[in-house]
Amino acid sequence: MSIDRDRLERRLREEFGGSSGAASVVARQATDLDDSGRYEADTGTRLTAKIVVEELADAPDGGPTERWNWWIGSLEIAFGGYEAFGIRRYRE
């Protein structure tokens, strides 16, 4: 079962604030990451909206995109191959 993008987007805005554009792009990247199977292959755990929110809550600060990039950077260091899931820019 894939991540429900709309539900994740709402949770991101509730937890971390930011614009709807920021939450939307993070939800889209999370869905793409889940669909790729990379996270599950590296960790042995299926990526869920709950995991995304928990991991982003560990980030030092920022809105959804800053937190997402912090987590993706951590995954890149740990496993490699996550750079493509980082967020460079998005529409507000």
PDB file of N, CA and C in Angstrom:
ATOM      1  N   MET A   1       0.842  -1.186   0.000  1.00  0.00           N
ATOM      2  CA  MET A   1       0.000   0.000   0.000  1.00  0.00           C
ATOM      3  C   MET A   1       0.885   1.246   0.000  1.00  0.00           C
ATOM      4  N   SER A   2       0.609   2.121  -0.899  1.00  0.00           N
ATOM      5  CA  SER A   2       1.397   3.334  -1.058  1.00  0.00           C
ATOM      6  C   SER A   2       0.957   4.410  -0.059  1.00  0.00           C
ATOM      7  N   ILE A   3       1.823   5.362   0.151  1.00  0.00           N
ATOM      8  CA  ILE A   3       1.517   6.487   1.039  1.00  0.00           C
ATOM      9  C   ILE A   3       0.374   7.308   0.439  1.00  0.00           C
ATOM     10  N   ASP A   4      -0.581   7.683   1.271  1.00  0.00           N
ATOM     11  CA  ASP A   4      -1.676   8.567   0.858  1.00  0.00           C
ATOM     12  C   ASP A   4      -1.112   9.991   0.847  1.00  0.00           C
ATOM     13  N   ARG A   5      -0.843  10.497  -0.342  1.00  0.00           N
ATOM     14  CA  ARG A   5      -0.173  11.791  -0.481  1.00  0.00           C
ATOM     15  C   ARG A   5      -0.960  12.931   0.148  1.00  0.00           C
ATOM     16  N   ASP A   6      -2.274  12.970  -0.068  1.00  0.00           N
ATOM     17  CA  ASP A   6      -3.083  14.055   0.491  1.00  0.00           C
ATOM     18  C   ASP A   6      -3.076  14.030   2.018  1.00  0.00           C
ATOM     19  N   ARG A   7      -3.194  12.864   2.580  1.00  0.00           N
ATOM     20  CA  ARG A   7      -3.185  12.744   4.041  1.00  0.00           C
ATOM     21  C   ARG A   7      -1.824  13.157   4.614  1.00  0.00           C
ATOM     22  N   LEU A   8      -0.754  12.725   3.975  1.00  0.00           N
ATOM     23  CA  LEU A   8       0.574  13.110   4.432  1.00  0.00           C
ATOM     24  C   LEU A   8       0.751  14.617   4.332  1.00  0.00           C
ATOM     25  N   GLU A   9       0.286  15.212   3.239  1.00  0.00           N
ATOM     26  CA  GLU A   9       0.403  16.659   3.084  1.00  0.00           C
ATOM     27  C   GLU A   9      -0.285  17.393   4.235  1.00  0.00           C
ATOM     28  N   ARG A  10      -1.475  16.952   4.608  1.00  0.00           N
ATOM     29  CA  ARG A  10      -2.186  17.575   5.741  1.00  0.00           C
ATOM     30  C   ARG A  10      -1.406  17.405   7.039  1.00  0.00           C
ATOM     31  N   ARG A  11      -0.889  16.212   7.277  1.00  0.00           N
ATOM     32  CA  ARG A  11      -0.125  15.964   8.507  1.00  0.00           C
ATOM     33  C   ARG A  11       1.130  16.835   8.571  1.00  0.00           C
ATOM     34  N   LEU A  12       1.798  17.002   7.459  1.00  0.00           N
ATOM     35  CA  LEU A  12       3.000  17.832   7.418  1.00  0.00           C
ATOM     36  C   LEU A  12       2.682  19.278   7.774  1.00  0.00           C
ATOM     37  N   ARG A  13       1.587  19.787   7.239  1.00  0.00           N
ATOM     38  CA  ARG A  13       1.203  21.169   7.545  1.00  0.00           C
ATOM     39  C   ARG A  13       0.815  21.314   9.006  1.00  0.00           C
ATOM     40  N   GLU A  14       0.116  20.314   9.553  1.00  0.00           N
ATOM     41  CA  GLU A  14      -0.270  20.352  10.971  1.00  0.00           C
ATOM     42  C   GLU A  14       0.948  20.308  11.878  1.00  0.00           C
ATOM     43  N   GLU A  15       1.889  19.462  11.566  1.00  0.00           N
ATOM     44  CA  GLU A  15       3.056  19.257  12.431  1.00  0.00           C
ATOM     45  C   GLU A  15       4.128  20.335  12.283  1.00  0.00           C
ATOM     46  N   PHE A  16       4.379  20.771  11.027  1.00  0.00           N
ATOM     47  CA  PHE A  16       5.546  21.617  10.774  1.00  0.00           C
ATOM     48  C   PHE A  16       5.231  22.970  10.145  1.00  0.00           C
ATOM     49  N   GLY A  17       3.960  23.249   9.897  1.00  0.00           N
ATOM     50  CA  GLY A  17       3.590  24.532   9.309  1.00  0.00           C
ATOM     51  C   GLY A  17       4.068  24.644   7.880  1.00  0.00           C
ATOM     52  N   GLY A  18       4.380  25.848   7.479  1.00  0.00           N
ATOM     53  CA  GLY A  18       4.845  26.081   6.121  1.00  0.00           C
ATOM     54  C   GLY A  18       3.688  26.212   5.153  1.00  0.00           C
ATOM     55  N   SER A  19       4.032  26.446   3.923  1.00  0.00           N
ATOM     56  CA  SER A  19       3.028  26.666   2.879  1.00  0.00           C
ATOM     57  C   SER A  19       2.473  25.342   2.372  1.00  0.00           C
ATOM     58  N   SER A  20       1.352  25.445   1.673  1.00  0.00           N
ATOM     59  CA  SER A  20       0.797  24.238   1.071  1.00  0.00           C
ATOM     60  C   SER A  20       1.732  23.713  -0.019  1.00  0.00           C
ATOM     61  N   GLY A  21       2.447  24.614  -0.693  1.00  0.00           N
ATOM     62  CA  GLY A  21       3.415  24.190  -1.709  1.00  0.00           C
ATOM     63  C   GLY A  21       4.533  23.365  -1.116  1.00  0.00           C
ATOM     64  N   ALA A  22       5.023  23.781   0.048  1.00  0.00           N
ATOM     65  CA  ALA A  22       6.102  23.044   0.710  1.00  0.00           C
ATOM     66  C   ALA A  22       5.633  21.663   1.137  1.00  0.00           C
ATOM     67  N   ALA A  23       4.478  21.591   1.751  1.00  0.00           N
ATOM     68  CA  ALA A  23       3.956  20.304   2.197  1.00  0.00           C
ATOM     69  C   ALA A  23       3.656  19.399   1.008  1.00  0.00           C
ATOM     70  N   SER A  24       3.163  19.983  -0.062  1.00  0.00           N
ATOM     71  CA  SER A  24       2.824  19.210  -1.252  1.00  0.00           C
ATOM     72  C   SER A  24       4.062  18.576  -1.882  1.00  0.00           C
ATOM     73  N   VAL A  25       5.120  19.352  -2.018  1.00  0.00           N
ATOM     74  CA  VAL A  25       6.325  18.812  -2.655  1.00  0.00           C
ATOM     75  C   VAL A  25       6.966  17.739  -1.774  1.00  0.00           C
ATOM     76  N   VAL A  26       6.931  17.898  -0.468  1.00  0.00           N
ATOM     77  CA  VAL A  26       7.471  16.862   0.418  1.00  0.00           C
ATOM     78  C   VAL A  26       6.629  15.592   0.306  1.00  0.00           C
ATOM     79  N   ALA A  27       5.315  15.740   0.292  1.00  0.00           N
ATOM     80  CA  ALA A  27       4.449  14.562   0.164  1.00  0.00           C
ATOM     81  C   ALA A  27       4.701  13.852  -1.167  1.00  0.00           C
ATOM     82  N   ARG A  28       4.901  14.623  -2.221  1.00  0.00           N
ATOM     83  CA  ARG A  28       5.186  14.023  -3.526  1.00  0.00           C
ATOM     84  C   ARG A  28       6.521  13.281  -3.515  1.00  0.00           C
ATOM     85  N   GLN A  29       7.547  13.883  -2.917  1.00  0.00           N
ATOM     86  CA  GLN A  29       8.857  13.230  -2.845  1.00  0.00           C
ATOM     87  C   GLN A  29       8.790  11.965  -1.982  1.00  0.00           C
ATOM     88  N   ALA A  30       8.027  12.024  -0.901  1.00  0.00           N
ATOM     89  CA  ALA A  30       7.870  10.849  -0.036  1.00  0.00           C
ATOM     90  C   ALA A  30       7.192   9.716  -0.794  1.00  0.00           C
ATOM     91  N   THR A  31       6.189  10.062  -1.588  1.00  0.00           N
ATOM     92  CA  THR A  31       5.501   9.058  -2.403  1.00  0.00           C
ATOM     93  C   THR A  31       6.454   8.463  -3.426  1.00  0.00           C
ATOM     94  N   ASP A  32       7.248   9.307  -4.057  1.00  0.00           N
ATOM     95  CA  ASP A  32       8.232   8.822  -5.028  1.00  0.00           C
ATOM     96  C   ASP A  32       9.267   7.913  -4.361  1.00  0.00           C
ATOM     97  N   LEU A  33       9.715   8.306  -3.175  1.00  0.00           N
ATOM     98  CA  LEU A  33      10.673   7.478  -2.442  1.00  0.00           C
ATOM     99  C   LEU A  33      10.060   6.126  -2.105  1.00  0.00           C
ATOM    100  N   ASP A  34       8.823   6.139  -1.643  1.00  0.00           N
ATOM    101  CA  ASP A  34       8.144   4.887  -1.337  1.00  0.00           C
ATOM    102  C   ASP A  34       8.006   4.023  -2.589  1.00  0.00           C
ATOM    103  N   ASP A  35       7.562   4.624  -3.671  1.00  0.00           N
ATOM    104  CA  ASP A  35       7.378   3.887  -4.924  1.00  0.00           C
ATOM    105  C   ASP A  35       8.689   3.296  -5.448  1.00  0.00           C
ATOM    106  N   SER A  36       9.801   3.954  -5.169  1.00  0.00           N
ATOM    107  CA  SER A  36      11.097   3.464  -5.645  1.00  0.00           C
ATOM    108  C   SER A  36      11.526   2.176  -4.936  1.00  0.00           C
ATOM    109  N   GLY A  37      11.026   1.971  -3.714  1.00  0.00           N
ATOM    110  CA  GLY A  37      11.411   0.789  -2.941  1.00  0.00           C
ATOM    111  C   GLY A  37      12.775   0.908  -2.277  1.00  0.00           C
ATOM    112  N   ARG A  38      13.470   2.007  -2.495  1.00  0.00           N
ATOM    113  CA  ARG A  38      14.831   2.175  -1.967  1.00  0.00           C
ATOM    114  C   ARG A  38      14.863   2.170  -0.439  1.00  0.00           C
ATOM    115  N   TYR A  39      13.952   2.922   0.196  1.00  0.00           N
ATOM    116  CA  TYR A  39      13.947   2.999   1.656  1.00  0.00           C
ATOM    117  C   TYR A  39      13.724   1.611   2.260  1.00  0.00           C
ATOM    118  N   GLU A  40      12.755   0.894   1.720  1.00  0.00           N
ATOM    119  CA  GLU A  40      12.462  -0.443   2.236  1.00  0.00           C
ATOM    120  C   GLU A  40      13.645  -1.386   2.020  1.00  0.00           C
ATOM    121  N   ALA A  41      14.292  -1.295   0.872  1.00  0.00           N
ATOM    122  CA  ALA A  41      15.449  -2.144   0.597  1.00  0.00           C
ATOM    123  C   ALA A  41      16.597  -1.863   1.568  1.00  0.00           C
ATOM    124  N   ASP A  42      16.794  -0.583   1.890  1.00  0.00           N
ATOM    125  CA  ASP A  42      17.908  -0.210   2.774  1.00  0.00           C
ATOM    126  C   ASP A  42      17.619  -0.457   4.244  1.00  0.00           C
ATOM    127  N   THR A  43      16.373  -0.287   4.663  1.00  0.00           N
ATOM    128  CA  THR A  43      16.062  -0.365   6.092  1.00  0.00           C
ATOM    129  C   THR A  43      15.288  -1.617   6.488  1.00  0.00           C
ATOM    130  N   GLY A  44      14.701  -2.292   5.506  1.00  0.00           N
ATOM    131  CA  GLY A  44      13.875  -3.452   5.807  1.00  0.00           C
ATOM    132  C   GLY A  44      12.495  -3.091   6.310  1.00  0.00           C
ATOM    133  N   THR A  45      12.137  -1.813   6.203  1.00  0.00           N
ATOM    134  CA  THR A  45      10.848  -1.311   6.682  1.00  0.00           C
ATOM    135  C   THR A  45      10.161  -0.544   5.565  1.00  0.00           C
ATOM    136  N   ARG A  46       8.886  -0.805   5.373  1.00  0.00           N
ATOM    137  CA  ARG A  46       8.117  -0.066   4.369  1.00  0.00           C
ATOM    138  C   ARG A  46       7.952   1.380   4.822  1.00  0.00           C
ATOM    139  N   LEU A  47       8.155   2.325   3.933  1.00  0.00           N
ATOM    140  CA  LEU A  47       7.993   3.737   4.253  1.00  0.00           C
ATOM    141  C   LEU A  47       6.514   4.053   4.413  1.00  0.00           C
ATOM    142  N   THR A  48       6.169   4.711   5.501  1.00  0.00           N
ATOM    143  CA  THR A  48       4.793   5.115   5.765  1.00  0.00           C
ATOM    144  C   THR A  48       4.760   6.602   6.087  1.00  0.00           C
ATOM    145  N   ALA A  49       3.564   7.177   6.069  1.00  0.00           N
ATOM    146  CA  ALA A  49       3.409   8.581   6.450  1.00  0.00           C
ATOM    147  C   ALA A  49       3.857   8.785   7.894  1.00  0.00           C
ATOM    148  N   LYS A  50       3.563   7.825   8.753  1.00  0.00           N
ATOM    149  CA  LYS A  50       3.967   7.930  10.156  1.00  0.00           C
ATOM    150  C   LYS A  50       5.485   8.001  10.284  1.00  0.00           C
ATOM    151  N   ILE A  51       6.195   7.181   9.538  1.00  0.00           N
ATOM    152  CA  ILE A  51       7.662   7.209   9.581  1.00  0.00           C
ATOM    153  C   ILE A  51       8.172   8.553   9.087  1.00  0.00           C
ATOM    154  N   VAL A  52       7.606   9.054   7.998  1.00  0.00           N
ATOM    155  CA  VAL A  52       8.041  10.349   7.459  1.00  0.00           C
ATOM    156  C   VAL A  52       7.881  11.433   8.516  1.00  0.00           C
ATOM    157  N   VAL A  53       6.728  11.517   9.141  1.00  0.00           N
ATOM    158  CA  VAL A  53       6.474  12.553  10.146  1.00  0.00           C
ATOM    159  C   VAL A  53       7.413  12.377  11.344  1.00  0.00           C
ATOM    160  N   GLU A  54       7.615  11.155  11.802  1.00  0.00           N
ATOM    161  CA  GLU A  54       8.517  10.920  12.933  1.00  0.00           C
ATOM    162  C   GLU A  54       9.944  11.316  12.604  1.00  0.00           C
ATOM    163  N   GLU A  55      10.402  10.952  11.423  1.00  0.00           N
ATOM    164  CA  GLU A  55      11.780  11.294  11.027  1.00  0.00           C
ATOM    165  C   GLU A  55      11.950  12.803  10.874  1.00  0.00           C
ATOM    166  N   LEU A  56      10.971  13.464  10.276  1.00  0.00           N
ATOM    167  CA  LEU A  56      11.072  14.905  10.112  1.00  0.00           C
ATOM    168  C   LEU A  56      11.000  15.633  11.447  1.00  0.00           C
ATOM    169  N   ALA A  57      10.321  15.051  12.420  1.00  0.00           N
ATOM    170  CA  ALA A  57      10.250  15.652  13.758  1.00  0.00           C
ATOM    171  C   ALA A  57      11.621  15.666  14.428  1.00  0.00           C
ATOM    172  N   ASP A  58      12.516  14.777  14.022  1.00  0.00           N
ATOM    173  CA  ASP A  58      13.866  14.730  14.591  1.00  0.00           C
ATOM    174  C   ASP A  58      14.783  15.805  14.036  1.00  0.00           C
ATOM    175  N   ALA A  59      14.385  16.435  12.934  1.00  0.00           N
ATOM    176  CA  ALA A  59      15.218  17.484  12.332  1.00  0.00           C
ATOM    177  C   ALA A  59      15.331  18.668  13.282  1.00  0.00           C
ATOM    178  N   PRO A  60      16.463  19.376  13.227  1.00  0.00           N
ATOM    179  CA  PRO A  60      16.686  20.486  14.162  1.00  0.00           C
ATOM    180  C   PRO A  60      15.608  21.565  14.132  1.00  0.00           C
ATOM    181  N   ASP A  61      15.159  21.974  12.958  1.00  0.00           N
ATOM    182  CA  ASP A  61      14.117  22.999  12.851  1.00  0.00           C
ATOM    183  C   ASP A  61      13.754  23.195  11.393  1.00  0.00           C
ATOM    184  N   GLY A  62      12.824  24.104  11.149  1.00  0.00           N
ATOM    185  CA  GLY A  62      12.434  24.431   9.787  1.00  0.00           C
ATOM    186  C   GLY A  62      11.069  23.896   9.423  1.00  0.00           C
ATOM    187  N   GLY A  63      10.670  24.248   8.221  1.00  0.00           N
ATOM    188  CA  GLY A  63       9.405  23.782   7.689  1.00  0.00           C
ATOM    189  C   GLY A  63       9.573  22.403   7.064  1.00  0.00           C
ATOM    190  N   PRO A  64       8.542  21.921   6.392  1.00  0.00           N
ATOM    191  CA  PRO A  64       8.599  20.572   5.820  1.00  0.00           C
ATOM    192  C   PRO A  64       9.772  20.341   4.861  1.00  0.00           C
ATOM    193  N   THR A  65      10.061  21.301   3.979  1.00  0.00           N
ATOM    194  CA  THR A  65      11.139  21.061   3.008  1.00  0.00           C
ATOM    195  C   THR A  65      12.514  21.036   3.662  1.00  0.00           C
ATOM    196  N   GLU A  66      12.753  21.916   4.605  1.00  0.00           N
ATOM    197  CA  GLU A  66      14.052  21.912   5.294  1.00  0.00           C
ATOM    198  C   GLU A  66      14.238  20.620   6.084  1.00  0.00           C
ATOM    199  N   ARG A  67      13.180  20.202   6.741  1.00  0.00           N
ATOM    200  CA  ARG A  67      13.243  18.965   7.521  1.00  0.00           C
ATOM    201  C   ARG A  67      13.428  17.751   6.607  1.00  0.00           C
ATOM    202  N   TRP A  68      12.697  17.755   5.481  1.00  0.00           N
ATOM    203  CA  TRP A  68      12.829  16.666   4.519  1.00  0.00           C
ATOM    204  C   TRP A  68      14.263  16.586   4.009  1.00  0.00           C
ATOM    205  N   ASN A  69      14.826  17.702   3.593  1.00  0.00           N
ATOM    206  CA  ASN A  69      16.194  17.696   3.076  1.00  0.00           C
ATOM    207  C   ASN A  69      17.197  17.256   4.138  1.00  0.00           C
ATOM    208  N   TRP A  70      16.961  17.603   5.379  1.00  0.00           N
ATOM    209  CA  TRP A  70      17.830  17.151   6.465  1.00  0.00           C
ATOM    210  C   TRP A  70      17.782  15.620   6.560  1.00  0.00           C
ATOM    211  N   TRP A  71      16.574  15.057   6.516  1.00  0.00           N
ATOM    212  CA  TRP A  71      16.433  13.605   6.614  1.00  0.00           C
ATOM    213  C   TRP A  71      17.022  12.899   5.391  1.00  0.00           C
ATOM    214  N   ILE A  72      16.730  13.422   4.205  1.00  0.00           N
ATOM    215  CA  ILE A  72      17.281  12.832   2.981  1.00  0.00           C
ATOM    216  C   ILE A  72      18.804  12.888   3.019  1.00  0.00           C
ATOM    217  N   GLY A  73      19.365  13.973   3.539  1.00  0.00           N
ATOM    218  CA  GLY A  73      20.821  14.062   3.694  1.00  0.00           C
ATOM    219  C   GLY A  73      21.359  12.982   4.616  1.00  0.00           C
ATOM    220  N   SER A  74      20.623  12.698   5.676  1.00  0.00           N
ATOM    221  CA  SER A  74      21.028  11.634   6.602  1.00  0.00           C
ATOM    222  C   SER A  74      20.992  10.272   5.914  1.00  0.00           C
ATOM    223  N   LEU A  75      19.947  10.038   5.126  1.00  0.00           N
ATOM    224  CA  LEU A  75      19.853   8.774   4.387  1.00  0.00           C
ATOM    225  C   LEU A  75      20.950   8.668   3.334  1.00  0.00           C
ATOM    226  N   GLU A  76      21.280   9.782   2.704  1.00  0.00           N
ATOM    227  CA  GLU A  76      22.354   9.805   1.709  1.00  0.00           C
ATOM    228  C   GLU A  76      23.682   9.422   2.351  1.00  0.00           C
ATOM    229  N   ILE A  77      23.947   9.965   3.517  1.00  0.00           N
ATOM    230  CA  ILE A  77      25.187   9.638   4.222  1.00  0.00           C
ATOM    231  C   ILE A  77      25.204   8.171   4.638  1.00  0.00           C
ATOM    232  N   ALA A  78      24.090   7.689   5.143  1.00  0.00           N
ATOM    233  CA  ALA A  78      24.018   6.320   5.643  1.00  0.00           C
ATOM    234  C   ALA A  78      24.051   5.266   4.543  1.00  0.00           C
ATOM    235  N   PHE A  79      23.312   5.511   3.450  1.00  0.00           N
ATOM    236  CA  PHE A  79      23.142   4.465   2.448  1.00  0.00           C
ATOM    237  C   PHE A  79      23.583   4.852   1.042  1.00  0.00           C
ATOM    238  N   GLY A  80      23.574   6.144   0.738  1.00  0.00           N
ATOM    239  CA  GLY A  80      23.838   6.598  -0.620  1.00  0.00           C
ATOM    240  C   GLY A  80      22.603   6.405  -1.499  1.00  0.00           C
ATOM    241  N   GLY A  81      22.537   7.173  -2.570  1.00  0.00           N
ATOM    242  CA  GLY A  81      21.464   7.018  -3.537  1.00  0.00           C
ATOM    243  C   GLY A  81      20.183   7.778  -3.239  1.00  0.00           C
ATOM    244  N   TYR A  82      20.223   8.681  -2.277  1.00  0.00           N
ATOM    245  CA  TYR A  82      19.006   9.422  -1.922  1.00  0.00           C
ATOM    246  C   TYR A  82      19.005  10.856  -2.440  1.00  0.00           C
ATOM    247  N   GLU A  83      20.069  11.290  -3.041  1.00  0.00           N
ATOM    248  CA  GLU A  83      20.195  12.672  -3.501  1.00  0.00           C
ATOM    249  C   GLU A  83      19.051  13.074  -4.437  1.00  0.00           C
ATOM    250  N   ALA A  84      18.595  12.151  -5.261  1.00  0.00           N
ATOM    251  CA  ALA A  84      17.528  12.456  -6.217  1.00  0.00           C
ATOM    252  C   ALA A  84      16.214  12.815  -5.533  1.00  0.00           C
ATOM    253  N   PHE A  85      16.061  12.462  -4.267  1.00  0.00           N
ATOM    254  CA  PHE A  85      14.819  12.733  -3.546  1.00  0.00           C
ATOM    255  C   PHE A  85      14.858  14.054  -2.775  1.00  0.00           C
ATOM    256  N   GLY A  86      15.979  14.753  -2.836  1.00  0.00           N
ATOM    257  CA  GLY A  86      16.084  16.051  -2.188  1.00  0.00           C
ATOM    258  C   GLY A  86      15.246  17.090  -2.929  1.00  0.00           C
ATOM    259  N   ILE A  87      14.938  18.172  -2.248  1.00  0.00           N
ATOM    260  CA  ILE A  87      14.114  19.239  -2.816  1.00  0.00           C
ATOM    261  C   ILE A  87      14.997  20.455  -3.032  1.00  0.00           C
ATOM    262  N   ARG A  88      15.027  20.909  -4.265  1.00  0.00           N
ATOM    263  CA  ARG A  88      15.828  22.082  -4.592  1.00  0.00           C
ATOM    264  C   ARG A  88      14.983  23.347  -4.646  1.00  0.00           C
ATOM    265  N   ARG A  89      13.780  23.238  -5.217  1.00  0.00           N
ATOM    266  CA  ARG A  89      12.851  24.367  -5.227  1.00  0.00           C
ATOM    267  C   ARG A  89      11.448  23.867  -5.518  1.00  0.00           C
ATOM    268  N   TYR A  90      10.489  24.737  -5.215  1.00  0.00           N
ATOM    269  CA  TYR A  90       9.089  24.393  -5.406  1.00  0.00           C
ATOM    270  C   TYR A  90       8.278  25.669  -5.520  1.00  0.00           C
ATOM    271  N   ARG A  91       7.064  25.526  -5.996  1.00  0.00           N
ATOM    272  CA  ARG A  91       6.161  26.679  -6.098  1.00  0.00           C
ATOM    273  C   ARG A  91       5.408  26.873  -4.812  1.00  0.00           C
ATOM    274  N   GLU A  92       5.252  28.123  -4.433  1.00  0.00           N
ATOM    275  CA  GLU A  92       4.490  28.447  -3.218  1.00  0.00           C
ATOM    276  C   GLU A  92       3.011  28.308  -3.475  1.00  0.00           C
TER     277      GLU A  92
END
